[in-house]
Each structure stands twice: as C-alpha cells, then as structure tokens.
Protein backbone atom coordinates (compact mmCIF):
# COMPACT_ATOMS: atom_id res chain seq x y z
CA MET A 1 17.48 20.09 36.25
CA ARG A 2 13.95 21.53 34.67
CA ARG A 3 14.37 20.74 30.89
CA PHE A 4 15.48 16.82 31.66
CA ILE A 5 11.98 16.75 33.47
CA ARG A 6 9.90 18.59 30.50
CA ALA A 7 11.41 16.42 27.88
CA GLY A 8 11.30 12.62 29.58
CA ALA A 9 7.67 14.13 30.23
CA LEU A 10 6.99 14.26 26.52
CA ALA A 11 8.82 11.11 25.92
CA ALA A 12 6.99 9.00 28.19
CA PRO A 13 4.06 8.82 26.51
CA ALA A 14 5.60 9.30 22.94
CA LEU A 15 7.39 5.48 23.82
CA ALA A 16 4.26 4.00 25.41
CA LEU A 17 2.55 4.99 22.18
CA ALA A 18 5.15 2.96 20.20
CA LEU A 19 6.11 0.47 22.25
CA LEU A 20 1.67 -0.08 22.07
CA ALA A 21 1.02 0.23 18.31
CA ALA A 22 4.65 -2.43 17.76
CA PRO A 23 2.65 -5.54 18.17
CA ALA A 24 0.28 -4.87 15.88
CA MET A 25 2.20 -3.49 13.27
CA SER A 26 5.41 -6.43 13.58
CA ASP A 27 3.34 -9.45 15.31
CA GLY A 28 3.84 -11.58 11.74
CA HIS A 29 -0.45 -11.88 11.97
CA ARG A 30 -1.35 -11.47 8.25
CA THR A 31 -5.28 -11.30 7.04
CA PRO A 32 -6.38 -13.98 5.20
CA SER A 33 -7.45 -12.69 1.87
CA PRO A 34 -10.43 -14.95 0.13
CA ASP A 35 -9.98 -17.63 -2.71
CA GLY A 36 -9.87 -16.22 -5.92
CA ALA A 37 -9.55 -12.20 -4.85
CA MET A 38 -7.51 -10.18 -7.54
CA ALA A 39 -6.15 -6.95 -7.83
CA TYR A 40 -5.68 -5.25 -11.67
CA ILE A 41 -5.32 -2.09 -13.61
CA VAL A 42 -8.60 -1.10 -15.72
CA ASN A 43 -7.50 1.49 -17.79
CA ILE A 44 -4.21 0.78 -19.20
CA SER A 45 -2.28 -2.25 -20.63
CA ASP A 46 1.00 -3.89 -20.64
CA GLY A 47 3.02 -2.45 -22.95
CA ASP A 48 0.47 0.93 -23.24
CA THR A 49 2.23 4.18 -24.06
CA VAL A 50 0.97 7.26 -21.98
CA SER A 51 0.44 10.99 -21.43
CA ASN A 52 1.13 13.18 -18.34
CA PRO A 53 -1.04 13.46 -15.96
CA VAL A 54 -1.05 9.21 -15.95
CA THR A 55 -4.87 8.31 -14.43
CA ILE A 56 -4.62 5.01 -13.17
CA VAL A 57 -8.16 3.09 -11.90
CA PHE A 58 -7.49 0.25 -9.59
CA GLY A 59 -9.20 -2.55 -10.34
CA LEU A 60 -10.38 -5.03 -7.47
CA LYS A 61 -12.23 -8.67 -7.55
CA GLY A 62 -13.53 -11.06 -5.12
CA MET A 63 -12.91 -8.05 -1.98
CA GLY A 64 -13.64 -5.06 -0.89
CA ILE A 65 -12.03 -1.96 -0.23
CA ALA A 66 -11.58 0.07 3.37
CA PRO A 67 -9.60 2.48 4.58
CA ALA A 68 -6.52 1.64 6.66
CA GLY A 69 -7.49 0.82 10.19
CA VAL A 70 -10.33 -0.21 9.60
CA GLU A 71 -10.63 -3.43 10.50
CA LYS A 72 -13.33 -5.43 8.82
CA ASP A 73 -12.99 -8.85 7.25
CA GLY A 74 -12.17 -9.09 2.66
CA THR A 75 -11.40 -5.79 2.69
CA GLY A 76 -8.54 -3.92 2.14
CA HIS A 77 -6.91 -0.50 0.49
CA HIS A 78 -4.76 -0.58 -2.52
CA HIS A 79 -0.76 0.29 -2.28
CA LEU A 80 0.57 1.62 -6.26
CA LEU A 81 3.51 -0.17 -6.71
CA ILE A 82 5.92 2.10 -9.27
CA ASN A 83 8.63 0.70 -10.80
CA LEU A 84 9.07 -1.86 -7.77
CA ASP A 85 8.99 -5.68 -8.23
CA GLY A 86 6.06 -6.98 -5.95
CA SER A 87 7.54 -10.64 -5.25
CA THR A 88 10.39 -8.62 -3.46
CA ILE A 89 8.92 -7.53 -0.93
CA ASN A 90 7.90 -8.73 2.47
CA MET A 91 5.25 -9.25 3.26
CA ASP A 92 4.82 -10.16 6.63
CA ASP A 93 5.65 -6.07 7.80
CA PRO A 94 3.81 -3.19 6.82
CA LEU A 95 4.04 -1.64 3.29
CA PRO A 96 6.76 1.81 3.81
CA ALA A 97 5.16 4.75 1.82
CA ASP A 98 7.88 6.64 -0.70
CA ASP A 99 7.53 7.71 -4.20
CA ASN A 100 7.53 4.02 -5.55
CA HIS A 101 5.34 2.90 -2.66
CA ARG A 102 1.73 4.51 -2.99
CA HIS A 103 -0.17 4.31 -0.33
CA PHE A 104 -4.39 5.58 -0.66
CA GLY A 105 -5.61 4.97 2.76
CA GLY A 106 -8.80 6.62 1.82
CA GLY A 107 -9.97 3.74 0.18
CA GLN A 108 -8.88 5.63 -3.26
CA THR A 109 -9.63 3.60 -6.52
CA GLU A 110 -7.88 5.75 -8.67
CA VAL A 111 -4.96 7.98 -8.92
CA THR A 112 -3.81 11.15 -11.33
CA LEU A 113 -0.18 11.55 -11.65
CA GLU A 114 3.32 13.08 -13.52
CA LEU A 115 5.83 10.30 -14.10
CA PRO A 116 8.87 11.20 -15.67
CA ALA A 117 9.52 10.56 -18.65
CA GLY A 118 10.20 6.64 -20.17
CA THR A 119 9.33 3.69 -19.09
CA HIS A 120 7.94 2.04 -16.18
CA THR A 121 6.27 -0.65 -14.24
CA LEU A 122 3.36 -0.57 -12.21
CA GLN A 123 1.57 -3.05 -9.72
CA LEU A 124 -1.34 -3.36 -7.52
CA LEU A 125 -1.16 -5.10 -4.21
CA LEU A 126 -3.63 -4.60 -1.11
CA ALA A 127 -2.83 -4.16 2.16
CA ASP A 128 -5.18 -4.59 5.10
CA HIS A 129 -5.16 -1.88 7.96
CA ASN A 130 -2.20 -1.95 9.23
CA HIS A 131 -1.10 -1.30 5.81
CA VAL A 132 0.62 -5.24 5.69
CA PRO A 133 -0.46 -7.74 2.59
CA HIS A 134 -3.42 -10.17 2.79
CA ASN A 135 -2.10 -14.17 3.34
CA PRO A 136 -2.12 -14.83 -0.02
CA PRO A 137 -0.90 -11.64 -1.03
CA VAL A 138 -3.94 -10.23 -3.83
CA LEU A 139 -1.36 -8.52 -6.09
CA SER A 140 -2.04 -7.25 -10.05
CA GLU A 141 0.49 -8.23 -12.33
CA GLN A 142 2.71 -5.75 -13.37
CA ILE A 143 3.01 -3.46 -16.04
CA THR A 144 5.26 -1.73 -17.77
CA VAL A 145 4.39 1.69 -19.56
CA THR A 146 6.25 4.23 -21.66
CA VAL A 147 5.81 7.72 -20.57
CA GLU A 148 5.86 10.72 -23.60
C-alpha cells in the first residue's frame, strides 16, 4: 500500500503539469508573422557540393530572434529541416525534435554538423516560443546539397 501512495503522490504533480502545459501547446493558436518576413540560408546555395563538417548560417529578414519560451512579438527561433519538405508539416502543432527537425531554441543563428555522404535537402522554419510555426509560416526555400 505504501508504494501505491508514493507512486500516486508523484504522478499527481506530473499529471497536473501535463494538463497545464497541454493548452499552451495545442490550442491551435499560431503567432502572427510580419508581412515580408523571410528565412534563408546565408552561406550555401541550391546545388552546392559541401564537405563535413557542414556549417549552415541562418538568415532572417523582418523578424528578430528570441529563445524558445520567450514570448515577444515579431520574434521566433530557427528549426532546420533536413531531408523533409516543409510544405508537408502540420503548422498548427509544435515541431518535433529529432534528426530531421533540428531545434535552435537557444536563439542560435548557425550550426556546424556532420551529414552522411550523399544528397540532402535543407530548409529553415521559424517557430514561436512554443515551437509552433508562425502564421503565415516563415519558411526558407528548400535547397539541395551534396555532401562528399
């Protein structure tokens, strides 16, 4: 019986926290982006051949950078989509964090990473304080690079 009470006592705060966080993450609200805002990759162009490690510099026009969790009008943080088509992403949900969705919630504006040899697509998507893309989305052109 003692174990059951301890487990329940620990589970209740976790459940309460999850319930409080859920509306902020899934209420369908998307932060507006200013007219003309655009994301772009600064130092690599479509069709380039690159070698490891690959440095990718993020560009942004018409908006500012703020870390994840910081809610400020006209700002967001970068996400790098690797081998994904940004137009297929559900823009109403927070972006997942995995090898194809790289988060830069600290406000980073570049990354150096290792990519397997071969052809890859790269695309930037800006998201708000909750990792939800803006409305309309601030999505760069998708570029294709070959890693030697």
